[in-house]
Amino acid sequence: MANEKTSRKGIKRGNPKPSPAASETLDRAHVEKALRESENRFRQSVENSPNPIFSVSRTGAIQIWNQSCAKIFGFGPEIAGQHYYILMPSDASREKIDSLLVDVFEHGRSFSEVEITYQCRDNHLRFMFSRLYPLLDLDGRVVDCVFANTDITARKKAEEEIYQRTRQWEALRQMGMELAAELELETLLASIAR
């Protein structure tokens, strides 16, 4: 054989084929290493994201909570295990999310650009566009629902300010029209009285 050489004692040297058991062990080691690397990449992509990302279990318990969540919502890692209702400012918000979670857990559905209002630890409200999607176990069962959020609070505040200014402008315009009509009436009455 081309790859094998024989030593003086007649023992073949070179690249011997591993036994089936050794081959299986090597394959398993490669698979486990690839799995660890994949888990590490996923963990880093969530943890290092500038967007707040968290997940909840079927029971509503918060499982994953990244640094951006801690920064924006004001809750640290101690929030893990608590029910996500801690982030919901109203019953209507809870009902909306409960309904979406049923679809995620029971049907494996994903949702994009769902507008969700969250309540922070300091009771301030944060407005988010949220993407909800299932996190599956190795058997393909939905075990968690991931909430990947984009903070739109500044935009919502700007929209509210524009709305308020538009209302004020409309009120001023209406007052101006009424004043102009009143001045025209006074002018008309004055000209008649002469």
Protein backbone atom coordinates (compact mmCIF):
# COMPACT_ATOMS: atom_id res chain seq x y z
CA MET A 1 0.00 0.00 0.00
CA ALA A 2 1.23 3.47 -0.87
CA ASN A 3 0.67 5.16 2.51
CA GLU A 4 2.00 2.38 4.64
CA LYS A 5 5.61 1.46 5.33
CA THR A 6 6.81 -1.64 7.05
CA SER A 7 9.28 -1.37 9.93
CA ARG A 8 12.04 -3.87 10.52
CA LYS A 9 9.76 -5.88 12.79
CA GLY A 10 7.07 -6.12 10.13
CA ILE A 11 4.68 -3.66 11.79
CA LYS A 12 2.91 -1.38 9.37
CA ARG A 13 3.21 2.34 10.02
CA GLY A 14 1.23 5.23 8.49
CA ASN A 15 -2.41 6.28 8.77
CA PRO A 16 -4.25 3.32 10.18
CA LYS A 17 -8.04 3.43 9.99
CA PRO A 18 -9.67 4.02 13.37
CA SER A 19 -11.93 1.35 14.72
CA PRO A 20 -15.70 1.93 14.30
CA ALA A 21 -16.00 2.81 18.01
CA ALA A 22 -13.14 5.30 17.78
CA SER A 23 -14.63 6.77 14.60
CA GLU A 24 -18.01 7.20 16.33
CA THR A 25 -16.30 8.89 19.29
CA LEU A 26 -14.48 11.28 16.96
CA ASP A 27 -17.71 12.05 15.06
CA ARG A 28 -19.55 12.69 18.32
CA ALA A 29 -16.74 14.97 19.53
CA HIS A 30 -16.94 16.99 16.28
CA VAL A 31 -20.72 17.26 16.55
CA GLU A 32 -20.53 18.33 20.21
CA LYS A 33 -17.87 20.92 19.38
CA ALA A 34 -19.97 22.27 16.50
CA LEU A 35 -23.01 22.42 18.78
CA ARG A 36 -21.07 24.30 21.48
CA GLU A 37 -19.76 26.75 18.87
CA SER A 38 -23.26 27.26 17.48
CA GLU A 39 -24.70 27.85 20.97
CA ASN A 40 -21.87 30.29 21.70
CA ARG A 41 -22.54 32.24 18.48
CA PHE A 42 -26.26 32.39 19.27
CA ARG A 43 -25.59 33.50 22.84
CA GLN A 44 -23.18 36.21 21.68
CA SER A 45 -25.50 37.44 18.94
CA VAL A 46 -28.28 37.89 21.50
CA GLU A 47 -26.11 39.24 24.30
CA ASN A 48 -24.22 41.74 22.12
CA SER A 49 -27.26 43.00 20.22
CA PRO A 50 -27.98 46.71 20.60
CA ASN A 51 -31.68 45.79 20.55
CA PRO A 52 -33.45 44.49 23.64
CA ILE A 53 -34.02 40.75 23.20
CA PHE A 54 -35.66 38.43 25.70
CA SER A 55 -37.56 35.17 25.68
CA VAL A 56 -40.41 33.72 27.70
CA SER A 57 -41.32 30.11 28.39
CA ARG A 58 -44.73 28.51 27.92
CA THR A 59 -45.58 29.57 31.48
CA GLY A 60 -44.65 33.20 30.73
CA ALA A 61 -41.42 33.13 32.75
CA ILE A 62 -38.63 35.30 31.35
CA GLN A 63 -35.72 33.06 30.29
CA ILE A 64 -33.27 35.07 28.16
CA TRP A 65 -32.59 38.72 29.05
CA ASN A 66 -29.81 40.57 27.23
CA GLN A 67 -27.78 43.62 28.30
CA SER A 68 -29.86 45.97 26.15
CA CYS A 69 -32.98 44.85 28.05
CA ALA A 70 -31.27 45.64 31.33
CA LYS A 71 -30.22 49.07 30.06
CA ILE A 72 -33.58 50.04 28.55
CA PHE A 73 -36.05 48.44 30.96
CA GLY A 74 -34.01 48.88 34.14
CA PHE A 75 -34.24 45.25 35.29
CA GLY A 76 -31.05 43.23 35.66
CA PRO A 77 -30.55 39.47 35.49
CA GLU A 78 -32.76 39.08 38.58
CA ILE A 79 -35.77 39.33 36.25
CA ALA A 80 -35.07 35.80 34.97
CA GLY A 81 -37.85 33.49 36.11
CA GLN A 82 -40.35 36.30 36.68
CA HIS A 83 -43.53 36.46 34.62
CA TYR A 84 -43.41 38.81 31.65
CA TYR A 85 -46.48 40.63 33.03
CA ILE A 86 -43.97 42.69 35.04
CA LEU A 87 -43.29 44.52 31.75
CA MET A 88 -46.92 45.07 30.74
CA PRO A 89 -48.54 48.39 31.71
CA SER A 90 -52.16 47.27 31.37
CA ASP A 91 -54.57 44.36 31.14
CA ALA A 92 -55.07 45.17 27.45
CA SER A 93 -51.31 44.80 26.86
CA ARG A 94 -51.26 41.46 28.68
CA GLU A 95 -54.24 40.16 26.69
CA LYS A 96 -52.65 41.21 23.40
CA ILE A 97 -49.39 39.39 24.20
CA ASP A 98 -51.19 36.34 25.64
CA SER A 99 -53.06 35.99 22.35
CA LEU A 100 -49.85 36.21 20.30
CA LEU A 101 -48.10 33.70 22.57
CA VAL A 102 -50.86 31.14 21.99
CA ASP A 103 -50.15 31.35 18.25
CA VAL A 104 -46.39 31.08 18.78
CA PHE A 105 -46.52 28.13 21.18
CA GLU A 106 -49.43 26.21 19.66
CA HIS A 107 -48.86 26.88 15.95
CA GLY A 108 -45.19 27.89 15.73
CA ARG A 109 -46.13 31.23 14.16
CA SER A 110 -43.84 34.25 13.99
CA PHE A 111 -44.89 37.89 14.05
CA SER A 112 -43.13 40.98 12.70
CA GLU A 113 -43.51 44.63 13.61
CA VAL A 114 -45.95 44.15 16.46
CA GLU A 115 -46.20 47.42 18.35
CA ILE A 116 -45.87 46.73 22.07
CA THR A 117 -45.83 49.18 24.95
CA TYR A 118 -43.59 48.07 27.82
CA GLN A 119 -43.40 49.45 31.34
CA CYS A 120 -39.90 49.95 32.73
CA ARG A 121 -38.79 49.47 36.30
CA ASP A 122 -39.10 53.26 36.86
CA ASN A 123 -42.69 53.10 35.46
CA HIS A 124 -41.80 54.99 32.27
CA LEU A 125 -43.29 53.56 29.10
CA ARG A 126 -41.18 52.37 26.16
CA PHE A 127 -42.67 51.76 22.75
CA MET A 128 -41.22 48.96 20.65
CA PHE A 129 -41.66 47.27 17.32
CA SER A 130 -41.33 43.64 18.35
CA ARG A 131 -40.71 40.49 16.40
CA LEU A 132 -41.95 37.36 18.13
CA TYR A 133 -40.74 33.97 16.99
CA PRO A 134 -40.51 30.44 18.39
CA LEU A 135 -37.35 28.92 19.86
CA LEU A 136 -37.35 25.16 19.28
CA ASP A 137 -35.76 22.29 21.15
CA LEU A 138 -33.88 19.51 19.35
CA ASP A 139 -37.15 17.65 18.75
CA GLY A 140 -38.71 20.67 17.04
CA ARG A 141 -41.04 21.58 19.90
CA VAL A 142 -41.55 25.25 20.77
CA VAL A 143 -39.99 25.83 24.19
CA ASP A 144 -39.66 29.62 24.27
CA CYS A 145 -40.93 32.68 22.45
CA VAL A 146 -38.26 35.24 21.57
CA PHE A 147 -39.09 38.95 21.63
CA ALA A 148 -36.62 40.89 19.45
CA ASN A 149 -37.42 44.57 19.95
CA THR A 150 -36.63 47.87 18.26
CA ASP A 151 -37.15 50.93 20.44
CA ILE A 152 -39.44 53.47 18.74
CA THR A 153 -40.07 55.61 21.83
CA ALA A 154 -38.42 58.73 20.36
CA ARG A 155 -40.45 58.39 17.18
CA LYS A 156 -43.70 57.92 19.12
CA LYS A 157 -42.94 61.03 21.21
CA ALA A 158 -42.22 63.03 18.04
CA GLU A 159 -45.50 61.81 16.50
CA GLU A 160 -47.38 62.84 19.65
CA GLU A 161 -45.73 66.27 19.62
CA ILE A 162 -46.67 66.76 15.95
CA TYR A 163 -50.24 65.70 16.75
CA GLN A 164 -50.47 68.15 19.67
CA ARG A 165 -49.01 71.02 17.63
CA THR A 166 -51.39 70.26 14.78
CA ARG A 167 -54.33 70.41 17.20
CA GLN A 168 -53.05 73.71 18.63
CA TRP A 169 -52.58 75.15 15.15
CA GLU A 170 -56.09 74.05 14.16
CA ALA A 171 -57.52 75.68 17.31
CA LEU A 172 -55.65 78.92 16.53
CA ARG A 173 -56.83 78.81 12.92
CA GLN A 174 -60.42 78.33 14.07
CA MET A 175 -60.11 81.23 16.53
CA GLY A 176 -58.65 83.40 13.74
CA MET A 177 -61.55 82.59 11.44
CA GLU A 178 -64.06 83.39 14.19
CA LEU A 179 -62.27 86.65 14.99
CA ALA A 180 -62.18 87.61 11.31
CA ALA A 181 -65.89 86.87 10.98
CA GLU A 182 -66.61 88.93 14.09
CA LEU A 183 -64.53 91.84 12.78
CA GLU A 184 -66.35 91.69 9.45
CA LEU A 185 -69.68 91.73 11.29
CA GLU A 186 -68.60 94.74 13.38
CA THR A 187 -67.45 96.55 10.24
CA LEU A 188 -70.75 95.77 8.52
CA LEU A 189 -72.76 96.97 11.54
CA ALA A 190 -70.67 100.13 11.79
CA SER A 191 -71.23 100.92 8.12
CA ILE A 192 -74.98 100.37 8.50
CA ALA A 193 -75.12 102.55 11.60
CA ARG A 194 -73.62 105.50 9.73
